[in-house]
N, C-alpha and C. Protein backbone atom coordinates (compact mmCIF):
# COMPACT_ATOMS: atom_id res chain seq x y z
N MET A 1 -14.49 -11.12 -33.65
CA MET A 1 -13.26 -11.44 -34.62
C MET A 1 -12.16 -11.33 -33.60
N PRO A 2 -11.39 -12.31 -33.55
CA PRO A 2 -10.16 -12.47 -32.65
C PRO A 2 -9.15 -11.55 -33.07
N ALA A 3 -8.26 -11.02 -31.99
CA ALA A 3 -7.15 -10.24 -32.40
C ALA A 3 -6.02 -11.03 -33.03
N LYS A 4 -5.31 -10.46 -33.94
CA LYS A 4 -4.27 -11.17 -34.62
C LYS A 4 -2.90 -10.53 -34.16
N GLY A 5 -1.91 -11.16 -34.48
CA GLY A 5 -0.51 -10.57 -34.34
C GLY A 5 0.19 -10.94 -33.02
N ARG A 6 -0.35 -11.82 -32.13
CA ARG A 6 0.35 -12.05 -30.88
C ARG A 6 0.69 -13.54 -30.93
N GLY A 7 0.56 -14.25 -32.02
CA GLY A 7 0.94 -15.58 -32.07
C GLY A 7 -0.22 -16.50 -31.91
N LYS A 8 -1.28 -16.12 -31.20
CA LYS A 8 -2.55 -16.88 -31.11
C LYS A 8 -3.66 -15.92 -30.95
N PRO A 9 -4.87 -16.34 -31.36
CA PRO A 9 -6.03 -15.42 -31.12
C PRO A 9 -6.28 -15.11 -29.69
N ALA A 10 -6.73 -13.83 -29.48
CA ALA A 10 -7.04 -13.48 -28.07
C ALA A 10 -8.60 -13.44 -28.13
N ASP A 11 -9.20 -14.50 -28.49
CA ASP A 11 -10.62 -14.57 -28.57
C ASP A 11 -11.52 -14.43 -27.35
N ARG A 12 -10.77 -14.55 -26.22
CA ARG A 12 -11.50 -14.38 -25.01
C ARG A 12 -11.01 -13.26 -24.06
N ALA A 13 -9.85 -12.71 -24.43
CA ALA A 13 -9.21 -11.62 -23.67
C ALA A 13 -10.05 -10.37 -23.75
N GLU A 14 -10.05 -9.74 -22.72
CA GLU A 14 -10.96 -8.43 -22.59
C GLU A 14 -10.02 -7.18 -22.28
N ALA A 15 -10.15 -6.17 -23.04
CA ALA A 15 -9.45 -5.01 -22.87
C ALA A 15 -10.36 -4.02 -22.01
N THR A 16 -9.72 -3.37 -21.08
CA THR A 16 -10.41 -2.33 -20.26
C THR A 16 -9.62 -1.13 -20.22
N GLU A 17 -10.29 -0.05 -20.50
CA GLU A 17 -9.65 1.23 -20.43
C GLU A 17 -10.43 2.24 -19.53
N ILE A 18 -9.78 2.84 -18.57
CA ILE A 18 -10.62 3.63 -17.53
C ILE A 18 -9.75 4.94 -17.52
N VAL A 19 -10.59 6.03 -17.55
CA VAL A 19 -9.85 7.29 -17.21
C VAL A 19 -10.28 7.73 -15.83
N LEU A 20 -9.36 7.80 -15.00
CA LEU A 20 -9.59 8.19 -13.61
C LEU A 20 -9.39 9.69 -13.43
N HIS A 21 -10.21 10.40 -12.73
CA HIS A 21 -10.07 11.85 -12.56
C HIS A 21 -9.72 12.01 -10.96
N ILE A 22 -8.58 12.39 -10.64
CA ILE A 22 -8.12 12.43 -9.28
C ILE A 22 -7.81 13.91 -8.99
N ALA A 23 -8.22 14.42 -7.85
CA ALA A 23 -7.92 15.73 -7.39
C ALA A 23 -6.46 15.95 -7.44
N SER A 24 -6.04 17.02 -8.09
CA SER A 24 -4.54 17.36 -8.27
C SER A 24 -3.87 17.34 -6.93
N ASP A 25 -4.43 17.80 -5.92
CA ASP A 25 -3.69 17.85 -4.61
C ASP A 25 -3.77 16.57 -3.98
N LYS A 26 -4.16 15.56 -4.47
CA LYS A 26 -4.31 14.10 -3.94
C LYS A 26 -3.48 13.12 -4.80
N THR A 27 -2.73 13.58 -5.72
CA THR A 27 -2.07 12.59 -6.65
C THR A 27 -1.02 11.77 -5.84
N ARG A 28 -0.24 12.35 -5.10
CA ARG A 28 0.74 11.61 -4.30
C ARG A 28 -0.04 10.52 -3.35
N GLU A 29 -1.05 10.98 -2.72
CA GLU A 29 -1.83 10.03 -1.91
C GLU A 29 -2.43 8.93 -2.89
N PHE A 30 -2.94 9.25 -3.89
CA PHE A 30 -3.49 8.23 -4.81
C PHE A 30 -2.45 7.27 -5.33
N GLU A 31 -1.31 7.75 -5.75
CA GLU A 31 -0.32 6.91 -6.26
C GLU A 31 0.30 5.91 -5.17
N ALA A 32 0.48 6.49 -3.99
CA ALA A 32 0.97 5.70 -2.97
C ALA A 32 -0.03 4.68 -2.54
N MET A 33 -1.35 5.01 -2.52
CA MET A 33 -2.34 4.04 -2.17
C MET A 33 -2.45 2.93 -3.30
N PHE A 34 -2.32 3.45 -4.52
CA PHE A 34 -2.34 2.41 -5.62
C PHE A 34 -1.24 1.45 -5.58
N GLU A 35 -0.09 1.93 -5.32
CA GLU A 35 1.12 1.04 -5.22
C GLU A 35 0.99 0.11 -4.06
N ALA A 36 0.45 0.55 -2.95
CA ALA A 36 0.36 -0.33 -1.72
C ALA A 36 -0.74 -1.25 -1.79
N GLU A 37 -1.87 -0.92 -2.51
CA GLU A 37 -3.12 -1.68 -2.40
C GLU A 37 -3.47 -2.33 -3.71
N GLU A 38 -3.25 -1.74 -4.81
CA GLU A 38 -3.75 -2.30 -6.03
C GLU A 38 -2.60 -3.13 -6.82
N ILE A 39 -1.40 -2.65 -6.63
CA ILE A 39 -0.32 -3.38 -7.23
C ILE A 39 -0.14 -4.80 -6.72
N PRO A 40 -0.40 -5.03 -5.44
CA PRO A 40 -0.30 -6.57 -5.02
C PRO A 40 -1.44 -7.27 -5.60
N ILE A 41 -2.57 -6.65 -5.91
CA ILE A 41 -3.58 -7.41 -6.63
C ILE A 41 -3.28 -7.73 -8.02
N TRP A 42 -2.66 -6.74 -8.66
CA TRP A 42 -2.19 -6.87 -10.08
C TRP A 42 -1.14 -8.10 -10.11
N ASP A 43 -0.24 -7.99 -9.13
CA ASP A 43 0.78 -9.06 -8.99
C ASP A 43 0.14 -10.49 -8.90
N ASP A 44 -0.86 -10.59 -8.09
CA ASP A 44 -1.67 -11.83 -7.82
C ASP A 44 -2.29 -12.17 -9.14
N PHE A 45 -3.00 -11.33 -9.84
CA PHE A 45 -3.73 -11.61 -11.00
C PHE A 45 -2.83 -11.91 -12.08
N THR A 46 -1.75 -11.19 -12.33
CA THR A 46 -0.83 -11.56 -13.38
C THR A 46 -0.02 -12.93 -13.18
N ARG A 47 0.31 -13.11 -12.01
CA ARG A 47 0.93 -14.35 -11.61
C ARG A 47 0.14 -15.60 -11.97
N ARG A 48 -1.31 -15.36 -11.84
CA ARG A 48 -2.18 -16.52 -12.02
C ARG A 48 -2.79 -16.57 -13.43
N GLY A 49 -2.27 -15.57 -14.28
CA GLY A 49 -2.66 -15.55 -15.64
C GLY A 49 -4.08 -14.90 -15.83
N ARG A 50 -4.60 -14.30 -14.86
CA ARG A 50 -5.91 -13.70 -14.87
C ARG A 50 -5.85 -12.29 -15.62
N PHE A 51 -4.75 -11.62 -15.46
CA PHE A 51 -4.36 -10.34 -16.08
C PHE A 51 -3.21 -10.62 -16.92
N LEU A 52 -3.28 -10.21 -18.31
CA LEU A 52 -2.17 -10.41 -19.23
C LEU A 52 -1.32 -9.28 -19.31
N GLU A 53 -1.95 -8.09 -19.02
CA GLU A 53 -1.10 -6.82 -19.11
C GLU A 53 -1.92 -5.82 -18.33
N CYS A 54 -1.26 -5.00 -17.61
CA CYS A 54 -1.87 -3.91 -16.84
C CYS A 54 -0.93 -2.77 -16.63
N ARG A 55 -1.43 -1.51 -16.67
CA ARG A 55 -0.65 -0.32 -16.55
C ARG A 55 -1.52 0.82 -15.97
N LEU A 56 -0.91 1.66 -15.30
CA LEU A 56 -1.47 3.00 -14.85
C LEU A 56 -0.59 4.12 -15.47
N VAL A 57 -1.23 5.00 -16.29
CA VAL A 57 -0.47 6.05 -16.87
C VAL A 57 -0.96 7.39 -16.30
N ARG A 58 -0.01 8.20 -15.88
CA ARG A 58 -0.27 9.60 -15.42
C ARG A 58 -0.41 10.46 -16.78
N VAL A 59 -1.63 10.98 -17.02
CA VAL A 59 -1.74 11.82 -18.32
C VAL A 59 -0.98 13.07 -18.20
N GLN A 60 -0.33 13.33 -19.29
CA GLN A 60 0.46 14.55 -19.34
C GLN A 60 -0.01 15.53 -20.47
N GLY A 61 -0.95 14.98 -21.25
CA GLY A 61 -1.52 15.76 -22.35
C GLY A 61 -2.58 15.09 -22.97
N GLY A 62 -3.44 15.73 -23.80
CA GLY A 62 -4.49 15.09 -24.43
C GLY A 62 -5.55 16.09 -24.93
N SER A 63 -6.69 15.64 -25.34
CA SER A 63 -7.71 16.53 -25.88
C SER A 63 -8.67 17.07 -24.82
N GLU A 64 -8.53 16.54 -23.59
CA GLU A 64 -9.39 17.03 -22.53
C GLU A 64 -8.67 17.21 -21.25
N GLY A 65 -8.96 18.11 -20.40
CA GLY A 65 -8.45 18.41 -19.15
C GLY A 65 -9.36 19.23 -18.28
N ARG A 66 -9.15 19.08 -17.06
CA ARG A 66 -9.87 19.89 -16.17
C ARG A 66 -9.09 20.60 -15.15
N PRO A 67 -9.42 21.80 -14.71
CA PRO A 67 -8.59 22.53 -13.78
C PRO A 67 -8.66 21.65 -12.29
N ALA A 68 -7.53 21.59 -11.73
CA ALA A 68 -7.35 20.96 -10.41
C ALA A 68 -7.66 19.42 -10.51
N VAL A 69 -7.51 18.81 -11.63
CA VAL A 69 -7.76 17.32 -11.83
C VAL A 69 -6.58 16.75 -12.52
N GLN A 70 -5.97 15.75 -12.00
CA GLN A 70 -4.98 14.87 -12.68
C GLN A 70 -5.64 13.69 -13.24
N ASP A 71 -5.59 13.46 -14.48
CA ASP A 71 -6.17 12.26 -15.14
C ASP A 71 -5.24 11.17 -15.11
N TYR A 72 -5.66 9.94 -15.04
CA TYR A 72 -4.87 8.69 -15.18
C TYR A 72 -5.59 7.68 -16.07
N ILE A 73 -4.86 7.13 -16.96
CA ILE A 73 -5.47 6.01 -17.80
C ILE A 73 -5.02 4.70 -17.21
N LEU A 74 -6.04 4.01 -16.83
CA LEU A 74 -5.84 2.58 -16.35
C LEU A 74 -6.16 1.65 -17.55
N HIS A 75 -5.17 0.74 -17.85
CA HIS A 75 -5.24 -0.10 -18.97
C HIS A 75 -4.98 -1.56 -18.53
N VAL A 76 -5.96 -2.38 -18.74
CA VAL A 76 -5.87 -3.87 -18.20
C VAL A 76 -6.26 -4.72 -19.45
N ILE A 77 -5.53 -5.80 -19.69
CA ILE A 77 -5.99 -6.86 -20.64
C ILE A 77 -6.16 -8.05 -19.72
N ALA A 78 -7.35 -8.46 -19.50
CA ALA A 78 -7.72 -9.56 -18.73
C ALA A 78 -7.90 -10.79 -19.49
N ALA A 79 -7.70 -11.98 -18.88
CA ALA A 79 -7.81 -13.16 -19.67
C ALA A 79 -9.08 -13.39 -20.34
N ASP A 80 -10.19 -12.98 -19.62
CA ASP A 80 -11.50 -13.03 -20.13
C ASP A 80 -12.45 -12.12 -19.19
N HIS A 81 -13.69 -12.07 -19.51
CA HIS A 81 -14.61 -11.10 -18.76
C HIS A 81 -14.62 -11.65 -17.34
N GLN A 82 -14.66 -12.87 -17.14
CA GLN A 82 -14.63 -13.54 -15.77
C GLN A 82 -13.52 -12.96 -14.92
N ALA A 83 -12.31 -12.84 -15.49
CA ALA A 83 -11.11 -12.25 -14.76
C ALA A 83 -11.43 -10.90 -14.30
N HIS A 84 -12.07 -10.07 -15.27
CA HIS A 84 -12.42 -8.76 -14.95
C HIS A 84 -13.37 -8.74 -13.79
N GLU A 85 -14.50 -9.53 -13.80
CA GLU A 85 -15.41 -9.54 -12.69
C GLU A 85 -14.73 -10.06 -11.38
N GLU A 86 -13.86 -10.95 -11.47
CA GLU A 86 -13.13 -11.53 -10.40
C GLU A 86 -12.47 -10.43 -9.73
N HIS A 87 -11.70 -9.58 -10.45
CA HIS A 87 -10.98 -8.55 -9.96
C HIS A 87 -11.90 -7.45 -9.22
N ASP A 88 -13.04 -7.11 -9.91
CA ASP A 88 -13.89 -6.07 -9.41
C ASP A 88 -14.63 -6.54 -8.06
N GLY A 89 -14.73 -7.84 -8.01
CA GLY A 89 -15.37 -8.39 -6.78
C GLY A 89 -14.52 -8.71 -5.67
N ASP A 90 -13.23 -8.59 -5.83
CA ASP A 90 -12.11 -8.96 -4.93
C ASP A 90 -12.33 -7.98 -3.75
N PRO A 91 -12.37 -8.40 -2.52
CA PRO A 91 -12.47 -7.55 -1.31
C PRO A 91 -11.37 -6.63 -1.19
N ARG A 92 -10.19 -6.98 -1.60
CA ARG A 92 -8.99 -6.07 -1.56
C ARG A 92 -9.25 -4.85 -2.45
N PHE A 93 -9.87 -5.09 -3.73
CA PHE A 93 -10.08 -3.99 -4.53
C PHE A 93 -11.19 -3.11 -4.03
N GLN A 94 -12.23 -3.78 -3.45
CA GLN A 94 -13.40 -2.99 -3.05
C GLN A 94 -12.92 -2.10 -1.92
N SER A 95 -12.03 -2.53 -1.10
CA SER A 95 -11.47 -1.58 0.03
C SER A 95 -10.70 -0.40 -0.67
N PHE A 96 -9.91 -0.80 -1.67
CA PHE A 96 -9.18 0.29 -2.37
C PHE A 96 -10.18 1.32 -3.02
N LEU A 97 -11.04 0.77 -3.76
CA LEU A 97 -11.94 1.52 -4.56
C LEU A 97 -12.80 2.62 -3.62
N GLU A 98 -13.11 2.05 -2.40
CA GLU A 98 -13.92 2.92 -1.45
C GLU A 98 -13.10 4.16 -1.14
N LYS A 99 -11.85 3.99 -0.97
CA LYS A 99 -10.89 5.11 -0.58
C LYS A 99 -10.67 6.00 -1.88
N ALA A 100 -10.31 5.31 -2.98
CA ALA A 100 -10.12 6.14 -4.16
C ALA A 100 -11.22 7.02 -4.67
N GLN A 101 -12.41 6.56 -4.45
CA GLN A 101 -13.51 7.30 -4.98
C GLN A 101 -13.73 8.63 -4.11
N ARG A 102 -13.14 8.65 -2.89
CA ARG A 102 -13.23 9.84 -2.11
C ARG A 102 -12.37 11.00 -2.62
N ILE A 103 -11.35 10.58 -3.39
CA ILE A 103 -10.47 11.66 -4.07
C ILE A 103 -10.70 11.90 -5.48
N GLN A 104 -11.83 11.40 -6.02
CA GLN A 104 -12.21 11.56 -7.41
C GLN A 104 -13.29 12.71 -7.55
N PRO A 105 -13.01 13.81 -8.02
CA PRO A 105 -14.08 14.85 -8.06
C PRO A 105 -15.04 14.55 -9.12
N HIS A 106 -14.77 13.73 -10.10
CA HIS A 106 -15.62 13.39 -11.18
C HIS A 106 -15.60 11.85 -11.31
N PRO A 107 -16.68 11.22 -11.67
CA PRO A 107 -16.72 9.77 -11.86
C PRO A 107 -15.82 9.38 -12.98
N PRO A 108 -15.22 8.14 -12.98
CA PRO A 108 -14.31 7.71 -14.13
C PRO A 108 -15.03 7.51 -15.40
N LEU A 109 -14.33 7.37 -16.42
CA LEU A 109 -14.90 6.98 -17.71
C LEU A 109 -14.43 5.55 -17.92
N VAL A 110 -15.27 4.59 -18.26
CA VAL A 110 -14.94 3.22 -18.24
C VAL A 110 -15.49 2.53 -19.54
N TRP A 111 -14.53 1.78 -20.19
CA TRP A 111 -14.84 1.10 -21.36
C TRP A 111 -14.16 -0.33 -21.33
N PHE A 112 -14.84 -1.42 -21.77
CA PHE A 112 -14.20 -2.62 -21.92
C PHE A 112 -14.85 -3.42 -23.05
N GLY A 113 -14.04 -4.27 -23.68
CA GLY A 113 -14.49 -5.10 -24.80
C GLY A 113 -13.43 -6.02 -25.33
N GLU A 114 -13.78 -6.64 -26.39
CA GLU A 114 -12.88 -7.58 -27.02
C GLU A 114 -11.98 -6.91 -28.12
N THR A 115 -10.69 -7.12 -28.09
CA THR A 115 -9.81 -6.49 -29.05
C THR A 115 -10.09 -6.98 -30.42
N VAL A 116 -10.21 -6.02 -31.38
CA VAL A 116 -10.37 -6.31 -32.90
C VAL A 116 -9.10 -6.54 -33.54
N PHE A 117 -8.16 -5.54 -33.44
CA PHE A 117 -6.82 -5.55 -33.98
C PHE A 117 -5.79 -5.10 -33.10
N GLU A 118 -4.68 -5.59 -33.21
CA GLU A 118 -3.42 -5.13 -32.41
C GLU A 118 -2.23 -5.43 -33.08
N ARG A 119 -1.17 -4.70 -32.86
CA ARG A 119 0.23 -4.94 -33.25
C ARG A 119 1.04 -4.65 -32.07
N ARG A 120 2.19 -5.42 -32.00
CA ARG A 120 3.13 -5.19 -30.90
C ARG A 120 4.56 -5.31 -31.54
N SER A 121 5.54 -4.61 -30.95
CA SER A 121 6.93 -4.68 -31.43
C SER A 121 7.65 -5.60 -30.52
């Protein structure tokens, strides 16, 4: 069922939500690396319409938390699943991912799928 409320159906757009678990003493390193390496990829993908929306959120509260871990929510709306795959296969992302995984004490939680409902102001 296509998403409603954005002016046109998002019948092919894919939402991805990832919770990253970064060692608390590595947050500055992670954010600097993300800004230097992943943001240029986001800029490329958004400029080409492959990503419609993307954000990284530093978690400040919630129902779960672990000692010595800073969680981040990674939110991406890709034009379609192929755009998601294109990003994940990008050599720039693969280089970033290899370094980022070294400072993740726990594997990330990953979900993606088609939006059913949404509203925006």
